[in-house]
């Protein structure tokens, strides 16, 4: 029984490393999103974020191609085209834990 408790705690701790969205803005068709994540190198780093509508449909995807071990927090941009809902949601991802369960709400107008 002790082992089950330890494993359950360890599994919960791993998902705690999801990239944190520190802030986001939208202006002139461009999203600027600031993330922080305990990147350790190529084995574990924040590797993207996406813009979703209320239903979870993906409106845009920003892939992050390398670790940001010494650059925390960091901001990256994504240019979009076409109309957007008045409210969108941003979800982050890392290569170990996948897409975060939480979303950051952002008003676009």
PDB file of N, CA and C in Angstrom:
ATOM      1  N   UNK A   1       0.811  -1.197   0.000  1.00  0.00           N
ATOM      2  CA  UNK A   1       0.000   0.000   0.000  1.00  0.00           C
ATOM      3  C   UNK A   1       0.856   1.262   0.000  1.00  0.00           C
ATOM      4  N   UNK A   2       1.967   1.265   0.716  1.00  0.00           N
ATOM      5  CA  UNK A   2       2.848   2.435   0.733  1.00  0.00           C
ATOM      6  C   UNK A   2       3.311   2.786  -0.671  1.00  0.00           C
ATOM      7  N   UNK A   3       3.617   1.790  -1.476  1.00  0.00           N
ATOM      8  CA  UNK A   3       4.129   2.044  -2.823  1.00  0.00           C
ATOM      9  C   UNK A   3       3.086   2.715  -3.699  1.00  0.00           C
ATOM     10  N   UNK A   4       1.834   2.338  -3.556  1.00  0.00           N
ATOM     11  CA  UNK A   4       0.768   2.957  -4.355  1.00  0.00           C
ATOM     12  C   UNK A   4       0.649   4.440  -4.027  1.00  0.00           C
ATOM     13  N   UNK A   5       0.775   4.786  -2.771  1.00  0.00           N
ATOM     14  CA  UNK A   5       0.691   6.187  -2.365  1.00  0.00           C
ATOM     15  C   UNK A   5       1.874   6.968  -2.923  1.00  0.00           C
ATOM     16  N   UNK A   6       3.047   6.424  -2.851  1.00  0.00           N
ATOM     17  CA  UNK A   6       4.236   7.099  -3.368  1.00  0.00           C
ATOM     18  C   UNK A   6       4.134   7.281  -4.875  1.00  0.00           C
ATOM     19  N   UNK A   7       3.715   6.269  -5.598  1.00  0.00           N
ATOM     20  CA  UNK A   7       3.585   6.380  -7.049  1.00  0.00           C
ATOM     21  C   UNK A   7       2.520   7.396  -7.442  1.00  0.00           C
ATOM     22  N   UNK A   8       1.414   7.429  -6.731  1.00  0.00           N
ATOM     23  CA  UNK A   8       0.361   8.403  -7.033  1.00  0.00           C
ATOM     24  C   UNK A   8       0.880   9.817  -6.816  1.00  0.00           C
ATOM     25  N   UNK A   9       1.642  10.042  -5.756  1.00  0.00           N
ATOM     26  CA  UNK A   9       2.211  11.360  -5.497  1.00  0.00           C
ATOM     27  C   UNK A   9       3.207  11.731  -6.584  1.00  0.00           C
ATOM     28  N   UNK A  10       4.052  10.807  -6.975  1.00  0.00           N
ATOM     29  CA  UNK A  10       5.049  11.076  -8.005  1.00  0.00           C
ATOM     30  C   UNK A  10       4.390  11.424  -9.332  1.00  0.00           C
ATOM     31  N   UNK A  11       3.338  10.709  -9.707  1.00  0.00           N
ATOM     32  CA  UNK A  11       2.634  10.994 -10.956  1.00  0.00           C
ATOM     33  C   UNK A  11       2.019  12.382 -10.920  1.00  0.00           C
ATOM     34  N   UNK A  12       1.489  12.798  -9.796  1.00  0.00           N
ATOM     35  CA  UNK A  12       0.934  14.144  -9.670  1.00  0.00           C
ATOM     36  C   UNK A  12       2.005  15.202  -9.762  1.00  0.00           C
ATOM     37  N   UNK A  13       3.164  14.950  -9.219  1.00  0.00           N
ATOM     38  CA  UNK A  13       4.253  15.922  -9.266  1.00  0.00           C
ATOM     39  C   UNK A  13       4.740  16.120 -10.684  1.00  0.00           C
ATOM     40  N   UNK A  14       4.752  15.071 -11.499  1.00  0.00           N
ATOM     41  CA  UNK A  14       5.221  15.201 -12.883  1.00  0.00           C
ATOM     42  C   UNK A  14       4.338  16.149 -13.674  1.00  0.00           C
ATOM     43  N   UNK A  15       3.029  16.080 -13.486  1.00  0.00           N
ATOM     44  CA  UNK A  15       2.145  16.946 -14.242  1.00  0.00           C
ATOM     45  C   UNK A  15       2.199  18.387 -13.742  1.00  0.00           C
ATOM     46  N   UNK A  16       2.800  18.610 -12.571  1.00  0.00           N
ATOM     47  CA  UNK A  16       2.925  19.962 -12.049  1.00  0.00           C
ATOM     48  C   UNK A  16       3.936  20.770 -12.853  1.00  0.00           C
ATOM     49  N   UNK A  17       4.692  20.133 -13.736  1.00  0.00           N
ATOM     50  CA  UNK A  17       5.692  20.821 -14.537  1.00  0.00           C
ATOM     51  C   UNK A  17       5.147  21.362 -15.854  1.00  0.00           C
ATOM     52  N   UNK A  18       3.829  21.428 -16.007  1.00  0.00           N
ATOM     53  CA  UNK A  18       3.260  21.990 -17.231  1.00  0.00           C
ATOM     54  C   UNK A  18       3.687  23.452 -17.347  1.00  0.00           C
ATOM     55  N   UNK A  19       3.926  23.937 -18.559  1.00  0.00           N
ATOM     56  CA  UNK A  19       4.313  25.338 -18.723  1.00  0.00           C
ATOM     57  C   UNK A  19       3.226  26.272 -18.183  1.00  0.00           C
ATOM     58  N   UNK A  20       3.644  27.269 -17.452  1.00  0.00           N
ATOM     59  CA  UNK A  20       2.735  28.245 -16.880  1.00  0.00           C
ATOM     60  C   UNK A  20       2.632  29.435 -17.824  1.00  0.00           C
ATOM     61  N   UNK A  21       1.420  29.820 -18.168  1.00  0.00           N
ATOM     62  CA  UNK A  21       1.221  31.014 -18.990  1.00  0.00           C
ATOM     63  C   UNK A  21       1.204  32.208 -18.041  1.00  0.00           C
ATOM     64  N   UNK A  22       2.277  32.981 -18.085  1.00  0.00           N
ATOM     65  CA  UNK A  22       2.437  34.136 -17.202  1.00  0.00           C
ATOM     66  C   UNK A  22       1.573  35.304 -17.655  1.00  0.00           C
ATOM     67  N   UNK A  23       1.327  35.401 -18.958  1.00  0.00           N
ATOM     68  CA  UNK A  23       0.521  36.484 -19.496  1.00  0.00           C
ATOM     69  C   UNK A  23       0.405  36.349 -20.997  1.00  0.00           C
ATOM     70  N   UNK A  24      -0.561  37.062 -21.570  1.00  0.00           N
ATOM     71  CA  UNK A  24      -0.758  37.035 -23.015  1.00  0.00           C
ATOM     72  C   UNK A  24      -1.448  38.316 -23.443  1.00  0.00           C
ATOM     73  N   UNK A  25      -1.121  38.767 -24.648  1.00  0.00           N
ATOM     74  CA  UNK A  25      -1.777  39.932 -25.229  1.00  0.00           C
ATOM     75  C   UNK A  25      -2.121  39.624 -26.678  1.00  0.00           C
ATOM     76  N   UNK A  26      -3.084  40.385 -27.207  1.00  0.00           N
ATOM     77  CA  UNK A  26      -3.437  40.289 -28.610  1.00  0.00           C
ATOM     78  C   UNK A  26      -3.606  41.705 -29.143  1.00  0.00           C
ATOM     79  N   UNK A  27      -2.885  42.021 -30.212  1.00  0.00           N
ATOM     80  CA  UNK A  27      -2.995  43.334 -30.855  1.00  0.00           C
ATOM     81  C   UNK A  27      -2.527  43.214 -32.292  1.00  0.00           C
ATOM     82  N   UNK A  28      -3.221  43.903 -33.198  1.00  0.00           N
ATOM     83  CA  UNK A  28      -2.848  43.941 -34.614  1.00  0.00           C
ATOM     84  C   UNK A  28      -2.664  42.545 -35.219  1.00  0.00           C
ATOM     85  N   UNK A  29      -3.538  41.621 -34.839  1.00  0.00           N
ATOM     86  CA  UNK A  29      -3.490  40.275 -35.393  1.00  0.00           C
ATOM     87  C   UNK A  29      -2.379  39.396 -34.858  1.00  0.00           C
ATOM     88  N   UNK A  30      -1.750  39.793 -33.746  1.00  0.00           N
ATOM     89  CA  UNK A  30      -0.617  39.034 -33.200  1.00  0.00           C
ATOM     90  C   UNK A  30      -0.818  38.730 -31.722  1.00  0.00           C
ATOM     91  N   UNK A  31      -0.594  37.470 -31.384  1.00  0.00           N
ATOM     92  CA  UNK A  31      -0.587  37.043 -29.992  1.00  0.00           C
ATOM     93  C   UNK A  31       0.847  37.070 -29.482  1.00  0.00           C
ATOM     94  N   UNK A  32       1.039  37.596 -28.289  1.00  0.00           N
ATOM     95  CA  UNK A  32       2.309  37.509 -27.575  1.00  0.00           C
ATOM     96  C   UNK A  32       2.020  36.771 -26.278  1.00  0.00           C
ATOM     97  N   UNK A  33       2.672  35.631 -26.088  1.00  0.00           N
ATOM     98  CA  UNK A  33       2.413  34.785 -24.925  1.00  0.00           C
ATOM     99  C   UNK A  33       3.718  34.593 -24.154  1.00  0.00           C
ATOM    100  N   UNK A  34       3.649  34.824 -22.854  1.00  0.00           N
ATOM    101  CA  UNK A  34       4.803  34.647 -21.974  1.00  0.00           C
ATOM    102  C   UNK A  34       4.612  33.383 -21.154  1.00  0.00           C
ATOM    103  N   UNK A  35       5.586  32.482 -21.261  1.00  0.00           N
ATOM    104  CA  UNK A  35       5.571  31.203 -20.554  1.00  0.00           C
ATOM    105  C   UNK A  35       6.727  31.113 -19.568  1.00  0.00           C
ATOM    106  N   UNK A  36       6.529  30.334 -18.531  1.00  0.00           N
ATOM    107  CA  UNK A  36       7.639  29.897 -17.687  1.00  0.00           C
ATOM    108  C   UNK A  36       7.494  28.390 -17.504  1.00  0.00           C
ATOM    109  N   UNK A  37       8.629  27.722 -17.441  1.00  0.00           N
ATOM    110  CA  UNK A  37       8.646  26.271 -17.307  1.00  0.00           C
ATOM    111  C   UNK A  37      10.025  25.859 -16.823  1.00  0.00           C
ATOM    112  N   UNK A  38      10.124  24.875 -15.946  1.00  0.00           N
ATOM    113  CA  UNK A  38      11.442  24.443 -15.467  1.00  0.00           C
ATOM    114  C   UNK A  38      12.167  23.588 -16.515  1.00  0.00           C
ATOM    115  N   UNK A  39      12.451  24.183 -17.678  1.00  0.00           N
ATOM    116  CA  UNK A  39      13.170  23.459 -18.735  1.00  0.00           C
ATOM    117  C   UNK A  39      14.482  22.912 -18.186  1.00  0.00           C
ATOM    118  N   UNK A  40      14.781  21.668 -18.524  1.00  0.00           N
ATOM    119  CA  UNK A  40      16.044  21.065 -18.101  1.00  0.00           C
ATOM    120  C   UNK A  40      16.974  20.824 -19.278  1.00  0.00           C
ATOM    121  N   UNK A  41      16.512  21.060 -20.476  1.00  0.00           N
ATOM    122  CA  UNK A  41      17.277  20.796 -21.694  1.00  0.00           C
ATOM    123  C   UNK A  41      16.381  20.077 -22.686  1.00  0.00           C
ATOM    124  N   UNK A  42      16.998  19.398 -23.643  1.00  0.00           N
ATOM    125  CA  UNK A  42      16.250  18.725 -24.706  1.00  0.00           C
ATOM    126  C   UNK A  42      15.354  17.601 -24.189  1.00  0.00           C
ATOM    127  N   UNK A  43      15.598  17.113 -22.968  1.00  0.00           N
ATOM    128  CA  UNK A  43      14.797  16.028 -22.421  1.00  0.00           C
ATOM    129  C   UNK A  43      13.471  16.495 -21.819  1.00  0.00           C
ATOM    130  N   UNK A  44      13.365  17.781 -21.473  1.00  0.00           N
ATOM    131  CA  UNK A  44      12.134  18.305 -20.864  1.00  0.00           C
ATOM    132  C   UNK A  44      12.091  19.813 -21.032  1.00  0.00           C
ATOM    133  N   UNK A  45      11.212  20.267 -21.925  1.00  0.00           N
ATOM    134  CA  UNK A  45      11.071  21.715 -22.143  1.00  0.00           C
ATOM    135  C   UNK A  45       9.683  22.045 -22.681  1.00  0.00           C
ATOM    136  N   UNK A  46       9.287  23.302 -22.512  1.00  0.00           N
ATOM    137  CA  UNK A  46       8.032  23.795 -23.077  1.00  0.00           C
ATOM    138  C   UNK A  46       8.208  23.839 -24.588  1.00  0.00           C
ATOM    139  N   UNK A  47       7.329  23.133 -25.311  1.00  0.00           N
ATOM    140  CA  UNK A  47       7.537  23.046 -26.759  1.00  0.00           C
ATOM    141  C   UNK A  47       6.400  23.636 -27.587  1.00  0.00           C
ATOM    142  N   UNK A  48       5.459  24.340 -26.927  1.00  0.00           N
ATOM    143  CA  UNK A  48       4.442  24.995 -27.728  1.00  0.00           C
ATOM    144  C   UNK A  48       3.291  25.562 -26.927  1.00  0.00           C
ATOM    145  N   UNK A  49       2.489  26.326 -27.628  1.00  0.00           N
ATOM    146  CA  UNK A  49       1.222  26.813 -27.096  1.00  0.00           C
ATOM    147  C   UNK A  49       0.264  26.989 -28.265  1.00  0.00           C
ATOM    148  N   UNK A  50      -1.026  26.978 -27.949  1.00  0.00           N
ATOM    149  CA  UNK A  50      -2.020  27.128 -29.004  1.00  0.00           C
ATOM    150  C   UNK A  50      -3.154  28.028 -28.540  1.00  0.00           C
ATOM    151  N   UNK A  51      -3.850  28.584 -29.519  1.00  0.00           N
ATOM    152  CA  UNK A  51      -5.021  29.421 -29.287  1.00  0.00           C
ATOM    153  C   UNK A  51      -6.240  28.574 -29.638  1.00  0.00           C
ATOM    154  N   UNK A  52      -7.216  28.560 -28.736  1.00  0.00           N
ATOM    155  CA  UNK A  52      -8.433  27.764 -28.924  1.00  0.00           C
ATOM    156  C   UNK A  52      -9.667  28.644 -28.778  1.00  0.00           C
ATOM    157  N   UNK A  53     -10.770  28.211 -29.387  1.00  0.00           N
ATOM    158  CA  UNK A  53     -12.046  28.855 -29.106  1.00  0.00           C
ATOM    159  C   UNK A  53     -12.666  28.174 -27.886  1.00  0.00           C
ATOM    160  N   UNK A  54     -13.859  28.592 -27.499  1.00  0.00           N
ATOM    161  CA  UNK A  54     -14.500  28.067 -26.287  1.00  0.00           C
ATOM    162  C   UNK A  54     -14.732  26.560 -26.346  1.00  0.00           C
ATOM    163  N   UNK A  55     -14.925  26.024 -27.548  1.00  0.00           N
ATOM    164  CA  UNK A  55     -15.176  24.584 -27.680  1.00  0.00           C
ATOM    165  C   UNK A  55     -13.896  23.755 -27.722  1.00  0.00           C
ATOM    166  N   UNK A  56     -12.755  24.419 -27.770  1.00  0.00           N
ATOM    167  CA  UNK A  56     -11.477  23.710 -27.835  1.00  0.00           C
ATOM    168  C   UNK A  56     -10.908  23.580 -29.232  1.00  0.00           C
ATOM    169  N   UNK A  57     -11.610  24.108 -30.238  1.00  0.00           N
ATOM    170  CA  UNK A  57     -11.092  24.064 -31.610  1.00  0.00           C
ATOM    171  C   UNK A  57      -9.832  24.940 -31.699  1.00  0.00           C
ATOM    172  N   UNK A  58      -8.812  24.425 -32.342  1.00  0.00           N
ATOM    173  CA  UNK A  58      -7.534  25.123 -32.429  1.00  0.00           C
ATOM    174  C   UNK A  58      -7.594  26.196 -33.520  1.00  0.00           C
ATOM    175  N   UNK A  59      -7.270  27.426 -33.138  1.00  0.00           N
ATOM    176  CA  UNK A  59      -7.284  28.568 -34.048  1.00  0.00           C
ATOM    177  C   UNK A  59      -5.884  28.955 -34.496  1.00  0.00           C
ATOM    178  N   UNK A  60      -4.883  28.519 -33.758  1.00  0.00           N
ATOM    179  CA  UNK A  60      -3.495  28.816 -34.089  1.00  0.00           C
ATOM    180  C   UNK A  60      -2.570  28.020 -33.198  1.00  0.00           C
ATOM    181  N   UNK A  61      -1.384  27.707 -33.701  1.00  0.00           N
ATOM    182  CA  UNK A  61      -0.412  26.899 -32.966  1.00  0.00           C
ATOM    183  C   UNK A  61       0.964  27.524 -33.090  1.00  0.00           C
ATOM    184  N   UNK A  62       1.653  27.687 -31.963  1.00  0.00           N
ATOM    185  CA  UNK A  62       3.029  28.189 -31.955  1.00  0.00           C
ATOM    186  C   UNK A  62       3.909  27.058 -31.431  1.00  0.00           C
ATOM    187  N   UNK A  63       4.777  26.543 -32.288  1.00  0.00           N
ATOM    188  CA  UNK A  63       5.710  25.493 -31.901  1.00  0.00           C
ATOM    189  C   UNK A  63       6.989  26.151 -31.408  1.00  0.00           C
ATOM    190  N   UNK A  64       7.493  25.652 -30.285  1.00  0.00           N
ATOM    191  CA  UNK A  64       8.756  26.139 -29.726  1.00  0.00           C
ATOM    192  C   UNK A  64       9.806  25.068 -29.989  1.00  0.00           C
ATOM    193  N   UNK A  65      10.809  25.408 -30.782  1.00  0.00           N
ATOM    194  CA  UNK A  65      11.723  24.406 -31.299  1.00  0.00           C
ATOM    195  C   UNK A  65      12.930  24.063 -30.464  1.00  0.00           C
ATOM    196  N   UNK A  66      13.086  24.687 -29.292  1.00  0.00           N
ATOM    197  CA  UNK A  66      14.266  24.387 -28.476  1.00  0.00           C
ATOM    198  C   UNK A  66      13.992  24.757 -27.020  1.00  0.00           C
ATOM    199  N   UNK A  67      14.804  24.241 -26.089  1.00  0.00           N
ATOM    200  CA  UNK A  67      14.644  24.569 -24.670  1.00  0.00           C
ATOM    201  C   UNK A  67      15.018  26.026 -24.386  1.00  0.00           C
ATOM    202  N   UNK A  68      14.468  26.551 -23.313  1.00  0.00           N
ATOM    203  CA  UNK A  68      14.764  27.902 -22.840  1.00  0.00           C
ATOM    204  C   UNK A  68      15.243  27.817 -21.392  1.00  0.00           C
ATOM    205  N   UNK A  69      16.302  27.063 -21.181  1.00  0.00           N
ATOM    206  CA  UNK A  69      16.795  26.775 -19.832  1.00  0.00           C
ATOM    207  C   UNK A  69      17.191  28.054 -19.104  1.00  0.00           C
ATOM    208  N   UNK A  70      17.907  28.949 -19.776  1.00  0.00           N
ATOM    209  CA  UNK A  70      18.409  30.165 -19.120  1.00  0.00           C
ATOM    210  C   UNK A  70      17.568  31.402 -19.435  1.00  0.00           C
ATOM    211  N   UNK A  71      16.486  31.230 -20.134  1.00  0.00           N
ATOM    212  CA  UNK A  71      15.620  32.353 -20.515  1.00  0.00           C
ATOM    213  C   UNK A  71      14.221  32.103 -19.960  1.00  0.00           C
ATOM    214  N   UNK A  72      14.009  32.459 -18.712  1.00  0.00           N
ATOM    215  CA  UNK A  72      12.725  32.221 -18.046  1.00  0.00           C
ATOM    216  C   UNK A  72      12.295  33.473 -17.298  1.00  0.00           C
ATOM    217  N   UNK A  73      11.063  33.896 -17.402  1.00  0.00           N
ATOM    218  CA  UNK A  73      10.099  33.468 -18.404  1.00  0.00           C
ATOM    219  C   UNK A  73      10.496  34.000 -19.786  1.00  0.00           C
ATOM    220  N   UNK A  74       9.827  33.520 -20.823  1.00  0.00           N
ATOM    221  CA  UNK A  74      10.129  33.959 -22.179  1.00  0.00           C
ATOM    222  C   UNK A  74       8.835  34.210 -22.941  1.00  0.00           C
ATOM    223  N   UNK A  75       8.907  35.094 -23.932  1.00  0.00           N
ATOM    224  CA  UNK A  75       7.727  35.476 -24.710  1.00  0.00           C
ATOM    225  C   UNK A  75       7.947  35.139 -26.166  1.00  0.00           C
ATOM    226  N   UNK A  76       6.934  34.546 -26.779  1.00  0.00           N
ATOM    227  CA  UNK A  76       6.970  34.244 -28.210  1.00  0.00           C
ATOM    228  C   UNK A  76       5.652  34.692 -28.830  1.00  0.00           C
ATOM    229  N   UNK A  77       5.681  34.962 -30.125  1.00  0.00           N
ATOM    230  CA  UNK A  77       4.532  35.535 -30.824  1.00  0.00           C
ATOM    231  C   UNK A  77       3.974  34.587 -31.869  1.00  0.00           C
ATOM    232  N   UNK A  78       2.732  34.882 -32.257  1.00  0.00           N
ATOM    233  CA  UNK A  78       2.056  34.150 -33.325  1.00  0.00           C
ATOM    234  C   UNK A  78       1.142  35.128 -34.044  1.00  0.00           C
ATOM    235  N   UNK A  79       1.337  35.258 -35.334  1.00  0.00           N
ATOM    236  CA  UNK A  79       0.484  36.105 -36.166  1.00  0.00           C
ATOM    237  C   UNK A  79      -0.693  35.273 -36.650  1.00  0.00           C
ATOM    238  N   UNK A  80      -1.879  35.855 -36.612  1.00  0.00           N
ATOM    239  CA  UNK A  80      -3.070  35.132 -37.050  1.00  0.00           C
ATOM    240  C   UNK A  80      -3.743  35.876 -38.196  1.00  0.00           C
ATOM    241  N   UNK A  81      -4.588  35.171 -38.886  1.00  0.00           N
ATOM    242  CA  UNK A  81      -5.377  35.781 -39.949  1.00  0.00           C
ATOM    243  C   UNK A  81      -6.833  35.441 -39.749  1.00  0.00           C
ATOM    244  N   UNK A  82      -7.692  36.265 -40.268  1.00  0.00           N
ATOM    245  CA  UNK A  82      -9.115  35.986 -40.174  1.00  0.00           C
ATOM    246  C   UNK A  82      -9.719  36.438 -38.865  1.00  0.00           C
ATOM    247  N   UNK A  83     -11.030  36.370 -38.796  1.00  0.00           N
ATOM    248  CA  UNK A  83     -11.731  36.818 -37.587  1.00  0.00           C
ATOM    249  C   UNK A  83     -11.535  35.851 -36.418  1.00  0.00           C
ATOM    250  N   UNK A  84     -11.559  36.408 -35.233  1.00  0.00           N
ATOM    251  CA  UNK A  84     -11.437  35.616 -34.006  1.00  0.00           C
ATOM    252  C   UNK A  84     -12.645  35.868 -33.116  1.00  0.00           C
ATOM    253  N   UNK A  85     -12.976  34.922 -32.261  1.00  0.00           N
ATOM    254  CA  UNK A  85     -14.024  35.180 -31.271  1.00  0.00           C
ATOM    255  C   UNK A  85     -13.573  36.304 -30.328  1.00  0.00           C
ATOM    256  N   UNK A  86     -14.512  36.902 -29.637  1.00  0.00           N
ATOM    257  CA  UNK A  86     -14.191  37.974 -28.686  1.00  0.00           C
ATOM    258  C   UNK A  86     -13.341  37.460 -27.524  1.00  0.00           C
ATOM    259  N   UNK A  87     -13.474  36.184 -27.208  1.00  0.00           N
ATOM    260  CA  UNK A  87     -12.680  35.561 -26.144  1.00  0.00           C
ATOM    261  C   UNK A  87     -12.054  34.294 -26.705  1.00  0.00           C
ATOM    262  N   UNK A  88     -10.753  34.135 -26.490  1.00  0.00           N
ATOM    263  CA  UNK A  88     -10.048  32.911 -26.876  1.00  0.00           C
ATOM    264  C   UNK A  88      -9.338  32.369 -25.646  1.00  0.00           C
ATOM    265  N   UNK A  89      -8.804  31.169 -25.793  1.00  0.00           N
ATOM    266  CA  UNK A  89      -8.124  30.499 -24.692  1.00  0.00           C
ATOM    267  C   UNK A  89      -6.770  30.019 -25.186  1.00  0.00           C
ATOM    268  N   UNK A  90      -5.775  30.123 -24.329  1.00  0.00           N
ATOM    269  CA  UNK A  90      -4.429  29.679 -24.682  1.00  0.00           C
ATOM    270  C   UNK A  90      -4.066  28.515 -23.788  1.00  0.00           C
ATOM    271  N   UNK A  91      -3.533  27.474 -24.419  1.00  0.00           N
ATOM    272  CA  UNK A  91      -3.139  26.254 -23.712  1.00  0.00           C
ATOM    273  C   UNK A  91      -1.668  25.996 -24.034  1.00  0.00           C
ATOM    274  N   UNK A  92      -0.889  25.599 -23.035  1.00  0.00           N
ATOM    275  CA  UNK A  92       0.546  25.355 -23.215  1.00  0.00           C
ATOM    276  C   UNK A  92       0.848  23.857 -23.259  1.00  0.00           C
ATOM    277  N   UNK A  93       2.065  23.552 -23.716  1.00  0.00           N
ATOM    278  CA  UNK A  93       2.466  22.151 -23.856  1.00  0.00           C
ATOM    279  C   UNK A  93       3.956  22.006 -23.542  1.00  0.00           C
ATOM    280  N   UNK A  94       4.321  20.850 -23.005  1.00  0.00           N
ATOM    281  CA  UNK A  94       5.736  20.492 -22.887  1.00  0.00           C
ATOM    282  C   UNK A  94       5.922  19.080 -23.430  1.00  0.00           C
ATOM    283  N   UNK A  95       7.152  18.742 -23.789  1.00  0.00           N
ATOM    284  CA  UNK A  95       7.399  17.468 -24.464  1.00  0.00           C
ATOM    285  C   UNK A  95       7.196  16.256 -23.561  1.00  0.00           C
ATOM    286  N   UNK A  96       7.228  16.445 -22.251  1.00  0.00           N
ATOM    287  CA  UNK A  96       7.040  15.315 -21.331  1.00  0.00           C
ATOM    288  C   UNK A  96       5.571  15.163 -20.934  1.00  0.00           C
ATOM    289  N   UNK A  97       4.949  16.251 -20.530  1.00  0.00           N
ATOM    290  CA  UNK A  97       3.600  16.191 -19.974  1.00  0.00           C
ATOM    291  C   UNK A  97       2.486  16.436 -20.985  1.00  0.00           C
ATOM    292  N   UNK A  98       2.813  16.875 -22.185  1.00  0.00           N
ATOM    293  CA  UNK A  98       1.791  17.141 -23.189  1.00  0.00           C
ATOM    294  C   UNK A  98       1.053  18.438 -22.929  1.00  0.00           C
ATOM    295  N   UNK A  99      -0.172  18.519 -23.456  1.00  0.00           N
ATOM    296  CA  UNK A  99      -0.975  19.737 -23.314  1.00  0.00           C
ATOM    297  C   UNK A  99      -1.450  19.909 -21.886  1.00  0.00           C
ATOM    298  N   UNK A 100      -1.386  21.136 -21.394  1.00  0.00           N
ATOM    299  CA  UNK A 100      -1.868  21.435 -20.046  1.00  0.00           C
ATOM    300  C   UNK A 100      -3.382  21.285 -19.995  1.00  0.00           C
ATOM    301  N   UNK A 101      -3.900  21.013 -18.827  1.00  0.00           N
ATOM    302  CA  UNK A 101      -5.343  20.912 -18.669  1.00  0.00           C
ATOM    303  C   UNK A 101      -5.970  22.285 -18.481  1.00  0.00           C
ATOM    304  N   UNK A 102      -5.214  23.223 -17.936  1.00  0.00           N
ATOM    305  CA  UNK A 102      -5.726  24.566 -17.727  1.00  0.00           C
ATOM    306  C   UNK A 102      -5.568  25.435 -18.963  1.00  0.00           C
ATOM    307  N   UNK A 103      -6.418  26.453 -19.056  1.00  0.00           N
ATOM    308  CA  UNK A 103      -6.345  27.384 -20.180  1.00  0.00           C
ATOM    309  C   UNK A 103      -6.327  28.806 -19.664  1.00  0.00           C
ATOM    310  N   UNK A 104      -5.670  29.675 -20.404  1.00  0.00           N
ATOM    311  CA  UNK A 104      -5.582  31.094 -20.107  1.00  0.00           C
ATOM    312  C   UNK A 104      -6.608  31.823 -20.961  1.00  0.00           C
ATOM    313  N   UNK A 105      -7.517  32.547 -20.361  1.00  0.00           N
ATOM    314  CA  UNK A 105      -8.560  33.270 -21.109  1.00  0.00           C
ATOM    315  C   UNK A 105      -8.032  34.637 -21.531  1.00  0.00           C
ATOM    316  N   UNK A 106      -8.306  35.002 -22.796  1.00  0.00           N
ATOM    317  CA  UNK A 106      -7.839  36.277 -23.332  1.00  0.00           C
ATOM    318  C   UNK A 106      -8.942  36.923 -24.168  1.00  0.00           C
ATOM    319  N   UNK A 107      -9.234  38.179 -23.869  1.00  0.00           N
ATOM    320  CA  UNK A 107     -10.200  38.949 -24.630  1.00  0.00           C
ATOM    321  C   UNK A 107      -9.471  39.556 -25.833  1.00  0.00           C
ATOM    322  N   UNK A 108     -10.013  39.360 -27.031  1.00  0.00           N
ATOM    323  CA  UNK A 108      -9.342  39.833 -28.249  1.00  0.00           C
ATOM    324  C   UNK A 108      -9.863  41.176 -28.746  1.00  0.00           C
ATOM    325  N   UNK A 109     -10.975  41.649 -28.202  1.00  0.00           N
ATOM    326  CA  UNK A 109     -11.489  42.969 -28.599  1.00  0.00           C
ATOM    327  C   UNK A 109     -12.206  43.637 -27.465  1.00  0.00           C
TER     328      UNK A 109
END
